[in-house]
Amino acid sequence: VFVLCRTSNPGGSDLQFLETGGEPLYLRVASLVADKWNRH
């Protein structure tokens, strides 16, 4: 299961660079996948 994180299109920055908890959203997604979703 490949989860969209930091996409190759320029418009990806519209949302993926928004800060959440002091970091960009794409890194929040990366942490969420690595730490919680990757059980198997």
PDB file of all heavy atoms in Angstrom:
ATOM      1  N   VAL A   1       0.861  -1.179   0.000  1.00  0.00           N
ATOM      2  CA  VAL A   1       0.000   0.000   0.000  1.00  0.00           C
ATOM      3  C   VAL A   1       0.901   1.234   0.000  1.00  0.00           C
ATOM      4  O   VAL A   1       1.562   1.531   0.992  1.00  0.00           O
ATOM      5  CB  VAL A   1      -0.931   0.018   1.229  1.00  0.00           C
ATOM      6  CG1 VAL A   1      -1.842   1.243   1.177  1.00  0.00           C
ATOM      7  CG2 VAL A   1      -1.754  -1.260   1.314  1.00  0.00           C
ATOM      8  N   PHE A   2       0.936   1.936  -1.139  1.00  0.00           N
ATOM      9  CA  PHE A   2       1.753   3.145  -1.254  1.00  0.00           C
ATOM     10  C   PHE A   2       0.883   4.368  -1.014  1.00  0.00           C
ATOM     11  O   PHE A   2      -0.068   4.634  -1.766  1.00  0.00           O
ATOM     12  CB  PHE A   2       2.401   3.223  -2.642  1.00  0.00           C
ATOM     13  CG  PHE A   2       3.585   2.315  -2.805  1.00  0.00           C
ATOM     14  CD1 PHE A   2       3.439   1.056  -3.359  1.00  0.00           C
ATOM     15  CD2 PHE A   2       4.843   2.716  -2.392  1.00  0.00           C
ATOM     16  CE1 PHE A   2       4.523   0.209  -3.512  1.00  0.00           C
ATOM     17  CE2 PHE A   2       5.937   1.878  -2.529  1.00  0.00           C
ATOM     18  CZ  PHE A   2       5.785   0.622  -3.088  1.00  0.00           C
ATOM     19  N   VAL A   3       1.208   5.113   0.020  1.00  0.00           N
ATOM     20  CA  VAL A   3       0.419   6.264   0.453  1.00  0.00           C
ATOM     21  C   VAL A   3       1.024   7.540  -0.139  1.00  0.00           C
ATOM     22  O   VAL A   3       2.235   7.773  -0.027  1.00  0.00           O
ATOM     23  CB  VAL A   3       0.393   6.348   1.986  1.00  0.00           C
ATOM     24  CG1 VAL A   3      -0.440   7.546   2.434  1.00  0.00           C
ATOM     25  CG2 VAL A   3      -0.151   5.051   2.590  1.00  0.00           C
ATOM     26  N   LEU A   4       0.186   8.365  -0.757  1.00  0.00           N
ATOM     27  CA  LEU A   4       0.663   9.635  -1.287  1.00  0.00           C
ATOM     28  C   LEU A   4       1.229  10.482  -0.157  1.00  0.00           C
ATOM     29  O   LEU A   4       0.592  10.667   0.876  1.00  0.00           O
ATOM     30  CB  LEU A   4      -0.479  10.394  -1.964  1.00  0.00           C
ATOM     31  CG  LEU A   4      -1.146   9.729  -3.167  1.00  0.00           C
ATOM     32  CD1 LEU A   4      -2.258  10.634  -3.701  1.00  0.00           C
ATOM     33  CD2 LEU A   4      -0.146   9.421  -4.251  1.00  0.00           C
ATOM     34  N   CYS A   5       2.436  11.019  -0.384  1.00  0.00           N
ATOM     35  CA  CYS A   5       3.110  11.769   0.663  1.00  0.00           C
ATOM     36  C   CYS A   5       3.557  13.136   0.146  1.00  0.00           C
ATOM     37  O   CYS A   5       2.986  14.164   0.510  1.00  0.00           O
ATOM     38  CB  CYS A   5       4.302  10.948   1.178  1.00  0.00           C
ATOM     39  SG  CYS A   5       5.261  11.751   2.473  1.00  0.00           S
ATOM     40  N   ARG A   6       4.585  13.156  -0.709  1.00  0.00           N
ATOM     41  CA  ARG A   6       5.063  14.411  -1.328  1.00  0.00           C
ATOM     42  C   ARG A   6       5.068  14.186  -2.831  1.00  0.00           C
ATOM     43  O   ARG A   6       5.991  13.600  -3.374  1.00  0.00           O
ATOM     44  CB  ARG A   6       6.463  14.758  -0.813  1.00  0.00           C
ATOM     45  CG  ARG A   6       7.049  16.040  -1.427  1.00  0.00           C
ATOM     46  CD  ARG A   6       6.189  17.231  -1.107  1.00  0.00           C
ATOM     47  NE  ARG A   6       6.820  18.484  -1.527  1.00  0.00           N
ATOM     48  CZ  ARG A   6       6.270  19.334  -2.390  1.00  0.00           C
ATOM     49  NH1 ARG A   6       5.110  19.056  -2.957  1.00  0.00           N
ATOM     50  NH2 ARG A   6       6.886  20.457  -2.695  1.00  0.00           N
ATOM     51  N   THR A   7       4.009  14.608  -3.499  1.00  0.00           N
ATOM     52  CA  THR A   7       3.814  14.259  -4.892  1.00  0.00           C
ATOM     53  C   THR A   7       4.666  15.135  -5.807  1.00  0.00           C
ATOM     54  O   THR A   7       5.158  16.192  -5.413  1.00  0.00           O
ATOM     55  CB  THR A   7       2.331  14.356  -5.277  1.00  0.00           C
ATOM     56  OG1 THR A   7       1.849  15.668  -4.978  1.00  0.00           O
ATOM     57  CG2 THR A   7       1.521  13.340  -4.490  1.00  0.00           C
ATOM     58  N   SER A   8       4.821  14.686  -7.063  1.00  0.00           N
ATOM     59  CA  SER A   8       5.769  15.314  -7.981  1.00  0.00           C
ATOM     60  C   SER A   8       5.237  16.574  -8.641  1.00  0.00           C
ATOM     61  O   SER A   8       6.001  17.320  -9.255  1.00  0.00           O
ATOM     62  CB  SER A   8       6.187  14.311  -9.066  1.00  0.00           C
ATOM     63  OG  SER A   8       5.067  13.844  -9.784  1.00  0.00           O
ATOM     64  N   ASN A   9       3.924  16.829  -8.537  1.00  0.00           N
ATOM     65  CA  ASN A   9       3.344  17.990  -9.214  1.00  0.00           C
ATOM     66  C   ASN A   9       3.551  19.265  -8.413  1.00  0.00           C
ATOM     67  O   ASN A   9       3.554  19.241  -7.169  1.00  0.00           O
ATOM     68  CB  ASN A   9       1.843  17.775  -9.431  1.00  0.00           C
ATOM     69  CG  ASN A   9       1.099  17.586  -8.121  1.00  0.00           C
ATOM     70  OD1 ASN A   9       1.449  16.736  -7.322  1.00  0.00           O
ATOM     71  ND2 ASN A   9       0.057  18.376  -7.900  1.00  0.00           N
ATOM     72  N   PRO A  10       3.744  20.417  -9.071  1.00  0.00           N
ATOM     73  CA  PRO A  10       3.961  21.676  -8.347  1.00  0.00           C
ATOM     74  C   PRO A  10       2.828  22.021  -7.388  1.00  0.00           C
ATOM     75  O   PRO A  10       3.053  22.546  -6.291  1.00  0.00           O
ATOM     76  CB  PRO A  10       4.075  22.718  -9.469  1.00  0.00           C
ATOM     77  CG  PRO A  10       4.510  21.941 -10.662  1.00  0.00           C
ATOM     78  CD  PRO A  10       3.865  20.601 -10.533  1.00  0.00           C
ATOM     79  N   GLY A  11       1.580  21.728  -7.773  1.00  0.00           N
ATOM     80  CA  GLY A  11       0.447  22.067  -6.928  1.00  0.00           C
ATOM     81  C   GLY A  11       0.358  21.266  -5.647  1.00  0.00           C
ATOM     82  O   GLY A  11      -0.429  21.608  -4.753  1.00  0.00           O
ATOM     83  N   GLY A  12       1.162  20.208  -5.538  1.00  0.00           N
ATOM     84  CA  GLY A  12       1.166  19.442  -4.298  1.00  0.00           C
ATOM     85  C   GLY A  12       1.513  20.286  -3.086  1.00  0.00           C
ATOM     86  O   GLY A  12       1.082  19.994  -1.962  1.00  0.00           O
ATOM     87  N   SER A  13       2.275  21.347  -3.301  1.00  0.00           N
ATOM     88  CA  SER A  13       2.670  22.217  -2.192  1.00  0.00           C
ATOM     89  C   SER A  13       1.490  22.963  -1.585  1.00  0.00           C
ATOM     90  O   SER A  13       1.580  23.443  -0.443  1.00  0.00           O
ATOM     91  CB  SER A  13       3.726  23.224  -2.671  1.00  0.00           C
ATOM     92  OG  SER A  13       4.876  22.562  -3.140  1.00  0.00           O
ATOM     93  N   ASP A  14       0.393  23.082  -2.335  1.00  0.00           N
ATOM     94  CA  ASP A  14      -0.773  23.810  -1.814  1.00  0.00           C
ATOM     95  C   ASP A  14      -1.224  23.243  -0.472  1.00  0.00           C
ATOM     96  O   ASP A  14      -1.641  23.997   0.422  1.00  0.00           O
ATOM     97  CB  ASP A  14      -1.933  23.731  -2.806  1.00  0.00           C
ATOM     98  CG  ASP A  14      -1.645  24.462  -4.105  1.00  0.00           C
ATOM     99  OD1 ASP A  14      -0.681  25.244  -4.145  1.00  0.00           O
ATOM    100  OD2 ASP A  14      -2.397  24.239  -5.078  1.00  0.00           O
ATOM    101  N   LEU A  15      -1.171  21.913  -0.323  1.00  0.00           N
ATOM    102  CA  LEU A  15      -1.580  21.267   0.918  1.00  0.00           C
ATOM    103  C   LEU A  15      -0.409  20.589   1.623  1.00  0.00           C
ATOM    104  O   LEU A  15      -0.309  20.642   2.850  1.00  0.00           O
ATOM    105  CB  LEU A  15      -2.679  20.238   0.639  1.00  0.00           C
ATOM    106  CG  LEU A  15      -4.014  20.777   0.125  1.00  0.00           C
ATOM    107  CD1 LEU A  15      -4.973  19.621  -0.144  1.00  0.00           C
ATOM    108  CD2 LEU A  15      -4.631  21.738   1.131  1.00  0.00           C
ATOM    109  N   GLN A  16       0.462  19.953   0.870  1.00  0.00           N
ATOM    110  CA  GLN A  16       1.491  19.114   1.484  1.00  0.00           C
ATOM    111  C   GLN A  16       2.532  19.906   2.263  1.00  0.00           C
ATOM    112  O   GLN A  16       3.214  19.349   3.124  1.00  0.00           O
ATOM    113  CB  GLN A  16       2.164  18.264   0.402  1.00  0.00           C
ATOM    114  CG  GLN A  16       1.207  17.259  -0.224  1.00  0.00           C
ATOM    115  CD  GLN A  16       1.655  16.776  -1.577  1.00  0.00           C
ATOM    116  OE1 GLN A  16       2.818  16.899  -1.956  1.00  0.00           O
ATOM    117  NE2 GLN A  16       0.728  16.224  -2.344  1.00  0.00           N
ATOM    118  N   PHE A  17       2.643  21.212   2.000  1.00  0.00           N
ATOM    119  CA  PHE A  17       3.587  22.046   2.733  1.00  0.00           C
ATOM    120  C   PHE A  17       2.951  22.814   3.885  1.00  0.00           C
ATOM    121  O   PHE A  17       3.645  23.552   4.587  1.00  0.00           O
ATOM    122  CB  PHE A  17       4.270  23.023   1.775  1.00  0.00           C
ATOM    123  CG  PHE A  17       5.704  22.652   1.479  1.00  0.00           C
ATOM    124  CD1 PHE A  17       6.096  21.326   1.392  1.00  0.00           C
ATOM    125  CD2 PHE A  17       6.664  23.635   1.298  1.00  0.00           C
ATOM    126  CE1 PHE A  17       7.407  20.981   1.120  1.00  0.00           C
ATOM    127  CE2 PHE A  17       7.981  23.299   1.027  1.00  0.00           C
ATOM    128  CZ  PHE A  17       8.350  21.973   0.934  1.00  0.00           C
ATOM    129  N   LEU A  18       1.641  22.671   4.080  1.00  0.00           N
ATOM    130  CA  LEU A  18       1.004  23.337   5.210  1.00  0.00           C
ATOM    131  C   LEU A  18       1.579  22.798   6.517  1.00  0.00           C
ATOM    132  O   LEU A  18       1.795  21.602   6.666  1.00  0.00           O
ATOM    133  CB  LEU A  18      -0.503  23.108   5.186  1.00  0.00           C
ATOM    134  CG  LEU A  18      -1.273  23.737   4.015  1.00  0.00           C
ATOM    135  CD1 LEU A  18      -2.735  23.356   4.102  1.00  0.00           C
ATOM    136  CD2 LEU A  18      -1.108  25.259   4.007  1.00  0.00           C
ATOM    137  N   GLU A  19       1.828  23.688   7.463  1.00  0.00           N
ATOM    138  CA  GLU A  19       2.418  23.263   8.729  1.00  0.00           C
ATOM    139  C   GLU A  19       1.359  22.699   9.668  1.00  0.00           C
ATOM    140  O   GLU A  19       0.260  23.238   9.795  1.00  0.00           O
ATOM    141  CB  GLU A  19       3.143  24.433   9.399  1.00  0.00           C
ATOM    142  CG  GLU A  19       4.468  24.754   8.750  1.00  0.00           C
ATOM    143  CD  GLU A  19       5.444  25.426   9.709  1.00  0.00           C
ATOM    144  OE1 GLU A  19       5.106  25.583  10.900  1.00  0.00           O
ATOM    145  OE2 GLU A  19       6.544  25.775   9.267  1.00  0.00           O
ATOM    146  N   THR A  20       1.713  21.599  10.299  1.00  0.00           N
ATOM    147  CA  THR A  20       0.875  20.995  11.314  1.00  0.00           C
ATOM    148  C   THR A  20       1.776  20.512  12.443  1.00  0.00           C
ATOM    149  O   THR A  20       2.653  19.681  12.231  1.00  0.00           O
ATOM    150  CB  THR A  20       0.028  19.833  10.754  1.00  0.00           C
ATOM    151  OG1 THR A  20      -0.646  19.175  11.820  1.00  0.00           O
ATOM    152  CG2 THR A  20       0.855  18.844   9.980  1.00  0.00           C
ATOM    153  N   GLY A  21       1.600  21.087  13.614  1.00  0.00           N
ATOM    154  CA  GLY A  21       2.464  20.728  14.733  1.00  0.00           C
ATOM    155  C   GLY A  21       3.913  21.100  14.508  1.00  0.00           C
ATOM    156  O   GLY A  21       4.821  20.414  14.995  1.00  0.00           O
ATOM    157  N   GLY A  22       4.149  22.167  13.745  1.00  0.00           N
ATOM    158  CA  GLY A  22       5.505  22.641  13.533  1.00  0.00           C
ATOM    159  C   GLY A  22       6.259  21.953  12.414  1.00  0.00           C
ATOM    160  O   GLY A  22       7.469  22.177  12.253  1.00  0.00           O
ATOM    161  N   GLU A  23       5.585  21.128  11.625  1.00  0.00           N
ATOM    162  CA  GLU A  23       6.238  20.463  10.502  1.00  0.00           C
ATOM    163  C   GLU A  23       5.286  20.415   9.317  1.00  0.00           C
ATOM    164  O   GLU A  23       4.063  20.512   9.500  1.00  0.00           O
ATOM    165  CB  GLU A  23       6.680  19.053  10.881  1.00  0.00           C
ATOM    166  CG  GLU A  23       5.541  18.103  11.201  1.00  0.00           C
ATOM    167  CD  GLU A  23       6.036  16.705  11.570  1.00  0.00           C
ATOM    168  OE1 GLU A  23       7.252  16.500  11.624  1.00  0.00           O
ATOM    169  OE2 GLU A  23       5.177  15.836  11.807  1.00  0.00           O
ATOM    170  N   PRO A  24       5.806  20.278   8.095  1.00  0.00           N
ATOM    171  CA  PRO A  24       4.913  20.217   6.940  1.00  0.00           C
ATOM    172  C   PRO A  24       4.062  18.959   6.952  1.00  0.00           C
ATOM    173  O   PRO A  24       4.472  17.915   7.478  1.00  0.00           O
ATOM    174  CB  PRO A  24       5.871  20.238   5.750  1.00  0.00           C
ATOM    175  CG  PRO A  24       7.182  19.781   6.281  1.00  0.00           C
ATOM    176  CD  PRO A  24       7.234  20.248   7.703  1.00  0.00           C
ATOM    177  N   LEU A  25       2.893  19.070   6.349  1.00  0.00           N
ATOM    178  CA  LEU A  25       1.938  17.969   6.375  1.00  0.00           C
ATOM    179  C   LEU A  25       2.519  16.696   5.777  1.00  0.00           C
ATOM    180  O   LEU A  25       2.237  15.594   6.261  1.00  0.00           O
ATOM    181  CB  LEU A  25       0.667  18.377   5.620  1.00  0.00           C
ATOM    182  CG  LEU A  25      -0.449  17.338   5.542  1.00  0.00           C
ATOM    183  CD1 LEU A  25      -0.918  16.942   6.929  1.00  0.00           C
ATOM    184  CD2 LEU A  25      -1.617  17.875   4.700  1.00  0.00           C
ATOM    185  N   TYR A  26       3.355  16.807   4.723  1.00  0.00           N
ATOM    186  CA  TYR A  26       3.865  15.593   4.101  1.00  0.00           C
ATOM    187  C   TYR A  26       4.720  14.784   5.071  1.00  0.00           C
ATOM    188  O   TYR A  26       4.712  13.549   5.044  1.00  0.00           O
ATOM    189  CB  TYR A  26       4.614  15.909   2.798  1.00  0.00           C
ATOM    190  CG  TYR A  26       6.015  16.434   2.947  1.00  0.00           C
ATOM    191  CD1 TYR A  26       7.110  15.570   3.005  1.00  0.00           C
ATOM    192  CD2 TYR A  26       6.262  17.803   3.003  1.00  0.00           C
ATOM    193  CE1 TYR A  26       8.404  16.052   3.131  1.00  0.00           C
ATOM    194  CE2 TYR A  26       7.544  18.300   3.122  1.00  0.00           C
ATOM    195  CZ  TYR A  26       8.616  17.425   3.183  1.00  0.00           C
ATOM    196  OH  TYR A  26       9.901  17.917   3.311  1.00  0.00           O
ATOM    197  N   LEU A  27       5.457  15.474   5.966  1.00  0.00           N
ATOM    198  CA  LEU A  27       6.235  14.734   6.964  1.00  0.00           C
ATOM    199  C   LEU A  27       5.342  14.156   8.047  1.00  0.00           C
ATOM    200  O   LEU A  27       5.648  13.091   8.611  1.00  0.00           O
ATOM    201  CB  LEU A  27       7.303  15.640   7.579  1.00  0.00           C
ATOM    202  CG  LEU A  27       8.542  15.889   6.725  1.00  0.00           C
ATOM    203  CD1 LEU A  27       9.535  16.790   7.457  1.00  0.00           C
ATOM    204  CD2 LEU A  27       9.223  14.573   6.335  1.00  0.00           C
ATOM    205  N   ARG A  28       4.244  14.822   8.333  1.00  0.00           N
ATOM    206  CA  ARG A  28       3.263  14.260   9.264  1.00  0.00           C
ATOM    207  C   ARG A  28       2.684  12.969   8.688  1.00  0.00           C
ATOM    208  O   ARG A  28       2.518  11.972   9.390  1.00  0.00           O
ATOM    209  CB  ARG A  28       2.156  15.281   9.523  1.00  0.00           C
ATOM    210  CG  ARG A  28       0.974  14.752  10.311  1.00  0.00           C
ATOM    211  CD  ARG A  28       1.352  14.335  11.711  1.00  0.00           C
ATOM    212  NE  ARG A  28       0.182  13.882  12.445  1.00  0.00           N
ATOM    213  CZ  ARG A  28       0.225  13.072  13.485  1.00  0.00           C
ATOM    214  NH1 ARG A  28       1.402  12.612  13.917  1.00  0.00           N
ATOM    215  NH2 ARG A  28      -0.875  12.717  14.110  1.00  0.00           N
ATOM    216  N   VAL A  29       2.387  12.973   7.380  1.00  0.00           N
ATOM    217  CA  VAL A  29       1.894  11.761   6.724  1.00  0.00           C
ATOM    218  C   VAL A  29       2.945  10.660   6.791  1.00  0.00           C
ATOM    219  O   VAL A  29       2.637   9.502   7.104  1.00  0.00           O
ATOM    220  CB  VAL A  29       1.514  12.062   5.265  1.00  0.00           C
ATOM    221  CG1 VAL A  29       1.245  10.772   4.493  1.00  0.00           C
ATOM    222  CG2 VAL A  29       0.299  12.975   5.199  1.00  0.00           C
ATOM    223  N   ALA A  30       4.198  11.001   6.524  1.00  0.00           N
ATOM    224  CA  ALA A  30       5.264  10.004   6.569  1.00  0.00           C
ATOM    225  C   ALA A  30       5.367   9.369   7.949  1.00  0.00           C
ATOM    226  O   ALA A  30       5.502   8.139   8.075  1.00  0.00           O
ATOM    227  CB  ALA A  30       6.596  10.652   6.178  1.00  0.00           C
ATOM    228  N   SER A  31       5.292  10.186   8.978  1.00  0.00           N
ATOM    229  CA  SER A  31       5.369   9.659  10.341  1.00  0.00           C
ATOM    230  C   SER A  31       4.169   8.792  10.676  1.00  0.00           C
ATOM    231  O   SER A  31       4.303   7.730  11.303  1.00  0.00           O
ATOM    232  CB  SER A  31       5.453  10.820  11.347  1.00  0.00           C
ATOM    233  OG  SER A  31       6.637  11.561  11.173  1.00  0.00           O
ATOM    234  N   LEU A  32       2.988   9.220  10.262  1.00  0.00           N
ATOM    235  CA  LEU A  32       1.764   8.471  10.533  1.00  0.00           C
ATOM    236  C   LEU A  32       1.840   7.086   9.895  1.00  0.00           C
ATOM    237  O   LEU A  32       1.512   6.068  10.533  1.00  0.00           O
ATOM    238  CB  LEU A  32       0.568   9.243   9.990  1.00  0.00           C
ATOM    239  CG  LEU A  32      -0.831   8.777  10.372  1.00  0.00           C
ATOM    240  CD1 LEU A  32      -1.039   8.869  11.877  1.00  0.00           C
ATOM    241  CD2 LEU A  32      -1.865   9.622   9.636  1.00  0.00           C
ATOM    242  N   VAL A  33       2.283   7.034   8.656  1.00  0.00           N
ATOM    243  CA  VAL A  33       2.387   5.749   7.962  1.00  0.00           C
ATOM    244  C   VAL A  33       3.435   4.866   8.626  1.00  0.00           C
ATOM    245  O   VAL A  33       3.197   3.679   8.887  1.00  0.00           O
ATOM    246  CB  VAL A  33       2.706   5.974   6.472  1.00  0.00           C
ATOM    247  CG1 VAL A  33       2.967   4.641   5.779  1.00  0.00           C
ATOM    248  CG2 VAL A  33       1.566   6.713   5.781  1.00  0.00           C
ATOM    249  N   ALA A  34       4.600   5.429   8.905  1.00  0.00           N
ATOM    250  CA  ALA A  34       5.696   4.633   9.464  1.00  0.00           C
ATOM    251  C   ALA A  34       5.408   4.157  10.878  1.00  0.00           C
ATOM    252  O   ALA A  34       5.727   3.014  11.237  1.00  0.00           O
ATOM    253  CB  ALA A  34       6.989   5.450   9.437  1.00  0.00           C
ATOM    254  N   ASP A  35       4.785   5.007  11.685  1.00  0.00           N
ATOM    255  CA  ASP A  35       4.639   4.709  13.114  1.00  0.00           C
ATOM    256  C   ASP A  35       3.331   4.006  13.477  1.00  0.00           C
ATOM    257  O   ASP A  35       3.290   3.261  14.461  1.00  0.00           O
ATOM    258  CB  ASP A  35       4.740   6.007  13.931  1.00  0.00           C
ATOM    259  CG  ASP A  35       6.084   6.697  13.778  1.00  0.00           C
ATOM    260  OD1 ASP A  35       7.052   6.017  13.389  1.00  0.00           O
ATOM    261  OD2 ASP A  35       6.151   7.912  14.019  1.00  0.00           O
ATOM    262  N   LYS A  36       2.268   4.216  12.690  1.00  0.00           N
ATOM    263  CA  LYS A  36       0.960   3.687  13.087  1.00  0.00           C
ATOM    264  C   LYS A  36       0.321   2.762  12.050  1.00  0.00           C
ATOM    265  O   LYS A  36      -0.339   1.792  12.417  1.00  0.00           O
ATOM    266  CB  LYS A  36       0.004   4.849  13.388  1.00  0.00           C
ATOM    267  CG  LYS A  36       0.415   5.675  14.617  1.00  0.00           C
ATOM    268  CD  LYS A  36      -0.653   6.709  14.966  1.00  0.00           C
ATOM    269  CE  LYS A  36      -0.276   7.479  16.234  1.00  0.00           C
ATOM    270  NZ  LYS A  36      -1.312   8.483  16.602  1.00  0.00           N
ATOM    271  N   TRP A  37       0.477   3.071  10.772  1.00  0.00           N
ATOM    272  CA  TRP A  37      -0.260   2.318   9.768  1.00  0.00           C
ATOM    273  C   TRP A  37       0.480   1.096   9.260  1.00  0.00           C
ATOM    274  O   TRP A  37      -0.137   0.199   8.677  1.00  0.00           O
ATOM    275  CB  TRP A  37      -0.603   3.222   8.581  1.00  0.00           C
ATOM    276  CG  TRP A  37      -1.575   4.318   8.906  1.00  0.00           C
ATOM    277  CD1 TRP A  37      -2.177   4.557  10.110  1.00  0.00           C
ATOM    278  CD2 TRP A  37      -2.056   5.319   8.010  1.00  0.00           C
ATOM    279  NE1 TRP A  37      -3.002   5.643  10.028  1.00  0.00           N
ATOM    280  CE2 TRP A  37      -2.954   6.148   8.753  1.00  0.00           C
ATOM    281  CE3 TRP A  37      -1.820   5.615   6.673  1.00  0.00           C
ATOM    282  CZ2 TRP A  37      -3.601   7.239   8.172  1.00  0.00           C
ATOM    283  CZ3 TRP A  37      -2.469   6.689   6.092  1.00  0.00           C
ATOM    284  CH2 TRP A  37      -3.358   7.496   6.839  1.00  0.00           C
ATOM    285  N   ASN A  38       1.766   1.032   9.469  1.00  0.00           N
ATOM    286  CA  ASN A  38       2.586  -0.018   8.846  1.00  0.00           C
ATOM    287  C   ASN A  38       2.689  -1.262   9.724  1.00  0.00           C
ATOM    288  O   ASN A  38       3.761  -1.850   9.877  1.00  0.00           O
ATOM    289  CB  ASN A  38       3.980   0.541   8.533  1.00  0.00           C
ATOM    290  CG  ASN A  38       4.728  -0.309   7.530  1.00  0.00           C
ATOM    291  OD1 ASN A  38       4.140  -0.961   6.682  1.00  0.00           O
ATOM    292  ND2 ASN A  38       6.052  -0.282   7.627  1.00  0.00           N
ATOM    293  N   ARG A  39       1.567  -1.698  10.274  1.00  0.00           N
ATOM    294  CA  ARG A  39       1.586  -2.809  11.226  1.00  0.00           C
ATOM    295  C   ARG A  39       2.070  -4.112  10.596  1.00  0.00           C
ATOM    296  O   ARG A  39       2.708  -4.927  11.262  1.00  0.00           O
ATOM    297  CB  ARG A  39       0.183  -3.011  11.818  1.00  0.00           C
ATOM    298  CG  ARG A  39      -0.361  -1.825  12.569  1.00  0.00           C
ATOM    299  CD  ARG A  39      -1.670  -2.166  13.250  1.00  0.00           C
ATOM    300  NE  ARG A  39      -2.668  -2.701  12.344  1.00  0.00           N
ATOM    301  CZ  ARG A  39      -3.498  -1.963  11.614  1.00  0.00           C
ATOM    302  NH1 ARG A  39      -3.426  -0.633  11.674  1.00  0.00           N
ATOM    303  NH2 ARG A  39      -4.410  -2.536  10.832  1.00  0.00           N
ATOM    304  N   HIS A  40       1.751  -4.318   9.335  1.00  0.00           N
ATOM    305  CA  HIS A  40       2.136  -5.560   8.658  1.00  0.00           C
ATOM    306  C   HIS A  40       3.397  -5.395   7.809  1.00  0.00           C
ATOM    307  O   HIS A  40       3.744  -6.309   7.063  1.00  0.00           O
ATOM    308  CB  HIS A  40       0.987  -6.049   7.773  1.00  0.00           C
ATOM    309  CG  HIS A  40      -0.307  -6.250   8.506  1.00  0.00           C
ATOM    310  ND1 HIS A  40      -0.441  -7.141   9.556  1.00  0.00           N
ATOM    311  CD2 HIS A  40      -1.529  -5.675   8.346  1.00  0.00           C
ATOM    312  CE1 HIS A  40      -1.683  -7.109  10.004  1.00  0.00           C
ATOM    313  NE2 HIS A  40      -2.359  -6.222   9.298  1.00  0.00           N
TER     314      HIS A  40
END
